[in-house]
Protein backbone atom coordinates (compact mmCIF):
# COMPACT_ATOMS: atom_id res chain seq x y z
CA MET A 1 -4.47 -5.42 -7.02
CA SER A 2 -0.98 -6.28 -7.76
CA GLY A 3 -2.12 -9.84 -9.11
CA VAL A 4 -4.85 -8.26 -11.27
CA LYS A 5 -2.32 -5.51 -12.69
CA GLN A 6 0.01 -8.42 -13.61
CA ALA A 7 -2.10 -11.01 -15.07
CA THR A 8 -4.08 -7.90 -17.07
CA ARG A 9 -0.64 -6.68 -18.48
CA GLN A 10 0.24 -10.38 -19.43
CA ASN A 11 -2.89 -10.67 -21.21
CA SER A 12 -2.62 -7.78 -23.07
CA ARG A 13 1.08 -8.59 -24.07
CA ARG A 14 -0.28 -11.65 -25.27
CA ALA A 15 -2.90 -9.71 -27.64
CA ALA A 16 -0.27 -7.24 -28.60
CA SER A 17 1.65 -10.38 -30.06
CA GLY A 18 -1.17 -11.74 -31.60
CA GLY A 19 -2.29 -14.03 -28.93
CA GLY A 20 0.99 -16.34 -29.02
CA ALA A 21 1.54 -17.98 -25.83
CA SER A 22 5.26 -18.29 -25.98
CA ALA A 23 5.58 -14.19 -26.76
CA LYS A 24 8.29 -12.98 -24.45
CA PRO A 25 7.33 -10.52 -21.82
CA ALA A 26 8.97 -6.84 -22.17
CA ARG A 27 10.91 -5.84 -19.09
CA GLN A 28 8.70 -4.15 -16.74
CA PRO A 29 9.80 -0.92 -14.30
CA THR A 30 11.04 -1.92 -10.94
CA ASN A 31 11.12 1.25 -9.18
CA PRO A 32 8.87 4.60 -8.88
CA ARG A 33 10.85 6.50 -11.19
CA LYS A 34 10.45 3.78 -14.20
CA GLU A 35 6.90 3.55 -13.44
CA LEU A 36 6.84 7.29 -13.89
CA VAL A 37 8.50 7.44 -17.19
CA ARG A 38 6.56 4.48 -18.52
CA ASP A 39 3.24 6.44 -17.73
CA GLN A 40 4.93 9.79 -19.34
CA LEU A 41 5.53 7.63 -22.42
CA ILE A 42 1.89 6.20 -22.50
CA ASP A 43 0.61 9.85 -22.19
CA ILE A 44 2.67 11.11 -24.68
CA ALA A 45 2.13 8.29 -27.05
CA ALA A 46 -1.86 8.45 -26.76
CA ARG A 47 -1.60 12.06 -27.57
CA MET A 48 0.66 11.45 -30.72
CA PHE A 49 -1.46 8.79 -31.62
CA ASP A 50 -4.40 11.05 -31.54
CA GLU A 51 -2.69 13.97 -33.46
CA LYS A 52 -0.65 12.39 -35.92
CA GLY A 53 -2.56 8.82 -36.24
CA TYR A 54 -1.67 5.55 -35.04
CA ALA A 55 -0.39 4.15 -38.31
CA ASN A 56 1.97 7.43 -38.73
CA THR A 57 3.49 7.37 -35.45
CA GLY A 58 6.58 5.32 -34.90
CA MET A 59 8.75 4.74 -31.68
CA GLY A 60 11.36 7.35 -32.62
CA ASP A 61 8.52 10.14 -33.16
CA ILE A 62 7.77 9.12 -29.22
CA ALA A 63 11.34 8.80 -28.34
CA GLN A 64 11.95 12.44 -29.60
CA GLU A 65 9.02 13.94 -28.06
CA ILE A 66 9.76 12.89 -24.44
CA GLY A 67 13.62 13.52 -25.04
CA LEU A 68 14.91 10.18 -24.79
CA GLY A 69 16.78 7.72 -27.13
CA ARG A 70 15.58 5.42 -29.07
CA SER A 71 16.87 2.32 -27.49
CA ALA A 72 15.91 3.78 -23.76
CA VAL A 73 12.06 3.75 -24.75
CA TYR A 74 12.55 0.19 -26.02
CA HIS A 75 13.50 -0.42 -22.33
CA TYR A 76 10.10 0.39 -21.53
CA PHE A 77 8.00 -1.03 -24.53
CA ARG A 78 9.10 -3.35 -27.49
CA ASN A 79 6.78 -1.29 -29.98
CA LYS A 80 4.00 0.75 -30.34
CA GLU A 81 1.47 -2.06 -30.41
CA GLU A 82 2.65 -2.56 -26.50
CA ILE A 83 2.10 1.13 -25.61
CA LEU A 84 -1.27 0.70 -27.32
CA ALA A 85 -2.19 -2.63 -25.28
CA ALA A 86 -0.96 -0.52 -22.25
CA LEU A 87 -3.37 1.80 -23.05
CA VAL A 88 -6.42 -1.05 -23.60
CA GLU A 89 -5.39 -2.45 -20.12
CA ALA A 90 -5.61 1.14 -18.27
CA GLU A 91 -8.97 1.78 -19.94
CA ALA A 92 -10.44 -1.53 -20.32
CA LEU A 93 -8.85 -4.56 -18.88
CA ALA A 94 -8.18 -3.51 -15.30
CA PRO A 95 -11.69 -1.61 -14.44
CA SER A 96 -13.37 -4.73 -15.88
CA HIS A 97 -11.48 -6.89 -13.57
CA GLN A 98 -12.24 -4.83 -10.60
CA LEU A 99 -15.86 -5.01 -11.21
CA LYS A 100 -15.65 -8.65 -11.56
CA HIS A 101 -14.26 -8.72 -7.61
CA LEU A 102 -17.19 -6.29 -6.79
CA ILE A 103 -19.66 -8.29 -8.32
CA GLU A 104 -18.57 -11.39 -6.37
CA ASP A 105 -18.21 -9.60 -2.95
CA ASP A 106 -21.52 -11.04 -1.10
CA THR A 107 -20.98 -8.60 1.73
CA LEU A 108 -22.16 -5.71 -0.39
CA THR A 109 -25.62 -4.68 -1.15
CA SER A 110 -26.23 -3.59 -4.76
CA THR A 111 -26.38 0.12 -3.90
CA GLU A 112 -22.71 -0.22 -2.13
CA ARG A 113 -21.43 -2.21 -5.22
CA LEU A 114 -23.06 0.51 -7.75
CA ARG A 115 -21.71 3.49 -5.58
CA ARG A 116 -18.20 1.83 -5.53
CA ALA A 117 -17.80 1.43 -9.03
CA VAL A 118 -19.14 4.71 -10.14
CA THR A 119 -16.74 6.64 -7.57
CA ASP A 120 -13.76 4.26 -8.27
CA GLY A 121 -14.13 4.54 -12.28
CA ILE A 122 -14.45 8.31 -12.08
CA ILE A 123 -11.42 9.04 -9.73
CA ARG A 124 -9.36 6.60 -11.88
CA ARG A 125 -10.51 8.55 -15.34
CA LEU A 126 -10.08 11.97 -13.68
CA SER A 127 -6.41 10.92 -12.45
CA SER A 128 -5.04 9.74 -15.72
CA GLY A 129 -5.03 13.45 -17.19
CA SER A 130 -6.16 13.47 -20.78
CA ARG A 131 -5.20 10.08 -21.50
CA PHE A 132 -8.86 8.81 -21.20
CA ILE A 133 -10.02 11.34 -24.02
CA PHE A 134 -7.28 10.82 -26.11
CA PHE A 135 -8.13 7.02 -26.01
CA SER A 136 -11.66 7.45 -26.78
CA ARG A 137 -10.64 8.87 -30.07
CA LEU A 138 -8.06 6.09 -30.80
CA GLU A 139 -10.93 3.52 -30.75
CA ALA A 140 -11.60 3.03 -34.09
CA GLN A 141 -7.46 2.90 -34.47
CA ILE A 142 -7.19 0.06 -32.49
CA PRO A 143 -6.06 -3.06 -34.13
CA ASP A 144 -8.56 -6.03 -34.36
CA HIS A 145 -6.64 -8.35 -32.07
CA LEU A 146 -6.72 -5.64 -29.77
CA GLY A 147 -10.14 -4.19 -30.70
CA GLU A 148 -11.60 -7.67 -29.61
CA LEU A 149 -9.79 -7.54 -26.52
CA TYR A 150 -11.20 -3.86 -25.59
CA ASN A 151 -14.58 -4.65 -26.90
CA GLN A 152 -14.92 -7.52 -24.70
CA SER A 153 -13.82 -5.56 -21.71
CA ARG A 154 -16.17 -2.87 -22.21
CA ARG A 155 -19.23 -5.39 -22.58
CA GLN A 156 -18.05 -6.78 -19.57
CA ILE A 157 -17.94 -3.30 -17.83
CA TYR A 158 -21.49 -2.83 -19.59
CA ASP A 159 -23.16 -6.44 -17.97
CA PHE A 160 -21.88 -5.83 -14.66
CA TYR A 161 -23.84 -2.42 -14.31
CA VAL A 162 -27.03 -4.41 -15.73
CA ARG A 163 -26.61 -7.04 -13.32
CA CYS A 164 -25.84 -4.62 -10.45
CA ILE A 165 -29.29 -2.73 -11.50
CA ALA A 166 -31.13 -5.52 -11.90
CA ASP A 167 -30.00 -7.24 -8.49
CA GLY A 168 -30.97 -3.77 -6.80
CA ILE A 169 -34.66 -4.07 -8.44
CA ALA A 170 -34.85 -7.44 -7.47
CA SER A 171 -33.73 -6.80 -3.84
CA GLY A 172 -36.06 -3.60 -3.38
CA GLU A 173 -33.46 -1.26 -3.68
CA PHE A 174 -33.84 0.31 -6.98
CA ARG A 175 -36.95 0.94 -8.59
CA ASP A 176 -38.34 -0.92 -11.19
CA VAL A 177 -36.48 0.49 -14.26
CA ASP A 178 -35.12 -1.35 -17.42
CA PRO A 179 -31.59 -2.26 -16.24
CA LYS A 180 -30.17 -2.00 -19.75
CA ILE A 181 -31.23 1.78 -20.25
CA ALA A 182 -30.12 2.39 -16.47
CA ALA A 183 -26.68 0.86 -17.12
CA PHE A 184 -26.16 3.23 -20.30
CA ALA A 185 -27.41 6.45 -18.49
CA VAL A 186 -24.79 5.72 -15.43
CA ILE A 187 -22.20 4.74 -17.40
CA GLY A 188 -22.61 7.82 -19.89
CA MET A 189 -23.09 10.00 -16.85
CA ALA A 190 -19.49 8.63 -15.47
CA ASN A 191 -17.46 8.72 -18.66
CA TRP A 192 -18.72 12.47 -19.54
CA THR A 193 -16.80 13.65 -16.59
CA SER A 194 -13.50 13.42 -18.24
CA ARG A 195 -14.98 16.09 -21.07
CA TRP A 196 -15.31 18.89 -18.72
CA TYR A 197 -13.34 17.94 -15.74
CA SER A 198 -10.44 20.46 -14.78
CA PRO A 199 -7.62 20.03 -12.45
CA LYS A 200 -7.72 23.82 -11.69
CA GLY A 201 -11.50 23.40 -10.46
CA SER A 202 -12.46 23.68 -6.86
CA LYS A 203 -13.52 19.73 -6.78
CA SER A 204 -11.38 17.03 -6.62
CA PRO A 205 -11.76 13.79 -8.31
CA ARG A 206 -12.93 12.05 -5.13
CA GLU A 207 -15.82 15.03 -4.55
CA ILE A 208 -16.91 14.66 -8.07
CA ALA A 209 -17.49 11.38 -8.15
CA GLU A 210 -19.41 11.24 -4.85
CA VAL A 211 -21.71 14.08 -6.23
CA ILE A 212 -22.16 11.64 -9.52
CA ALA A 213 -22.50 8.87 -7.65
CA ASP A 214 -25.47 10.45 -5.56
CA ILE A 215 -26.97 11.54 -8.44
CA ALA A 216 -27.20 8.21 -10.21
CA LEU A 217 -28.34 6.25 -6.82
CA SER A 218 -31.04 8.92 -6.29
CA GLY A 219 -32.53 8.12 -9.86
CA LEU A 220 -32.63 4.61 -9.09
CA ARG A 221 -33.37 4.35 -5.43
CA MET A 222 -36.79 3.42 -4.28
CA PRO A 223 -38.73 6.05 -2.56
CA ASP A 224 -38.36 6.36 1.04
CA HIS A 225 -42.08 5.91 1.88
CA VAL A 226 -41.97 2.55 -0.41
CA ASN A 227 -38.92 1.25 1.47
CA GLY A 228 -40.77 1.97 4.49
CA ASP A 229 -43.96 -0.05 3.34
CA ILE A 230 -41.63 -2.94 2.17
CA SER A 231 -40.14 -2.94 5.78
CA ALA A 232 -43.61 -3.00 7.46
CA LEU A 233 -44.67 -5.50 5.25
CA ARG A 234 -41.59 -7.78 5.80
CA ASN A 235 -42.07 -7.24 9.66
CA SER A 236 -45.71 -8.26 9.05
CA VAL A 237 -44.74 -11.38 7.52
CA GLN A 238 -42.39 -12.39 10.16
CA ALA A 239 -45.08 -11.81 12.98
CA LEU A 240 -47.42 -14.02 11.03
CA LYS A 241 -44.95 -17.02 10.72
CA GLY A 242 -44.20 -16.54 14.37
CA GLN A 243 -47.96 -17.13 15.14
CA VAL A 244 -48.29 -20.00 12.59
CA ASP A 245 -45.60 -21.43 14.56
CA LEU A 246 -47.30 -21.37 17.72
CA LEU A 247 -50.31 -22.13 16.29
CA GLU A 248 -48.83 -25.51 14.99
CA GLN A 249 -47.18 -26.21 18.33
CA LEU A 250 -50.77 -26.06 20.37
CA LEU A 251 -52.10 -28.55 17.57
CA PRO A 252 -52.62 -32.05 18.85
């Protein structure tokens, strides 16, 4: 995952600098405390972008809100565009790369892929505090060069769900439904959790994720009696193949 994180950060930085290949990367945190401060900066900036507007929020405003000197903030981010790029990375780029690894894992069934995608996505979303909600309202303020990257990543996430559901239908794991509509339904269920989740609730993010994944899969999964019929049919086909092979051996 560290390689994915590094690559997505590099992509975000290139996008934030206009796509230039020679853009100088900002200094990155090297210890847990710096990582914590960096995350706090992103959270505060997301809230301020949401409340004041991206164009009306400066690095000085962010520094004052977190209680750091302006020069100290520049140790983490060179400008507010880099902060927004970090938000794009966290909410779109990193998830799309994780889903790409899932779809390429041949050891997983479509059911397992979908469950992993839903649970991992919800846990990540509910563990990011209110950042996801702020970011969803910031979409209209994302600059064009970052917006293109963000929209491309969202499309990749949607394409993953469509392909995963279509593969499950082809393998007999899922009912014959419209994969595109089903993909929107599953994504919507997962995204909406951040609107009503409360850290003070009785369920942890993982427990909530498991419930949502169960509901999503129960709506897609082939009924048990149909699965039994398919299994019996496959066994019959295998038995017939064995009998044909035996007959072929008996022929002169």
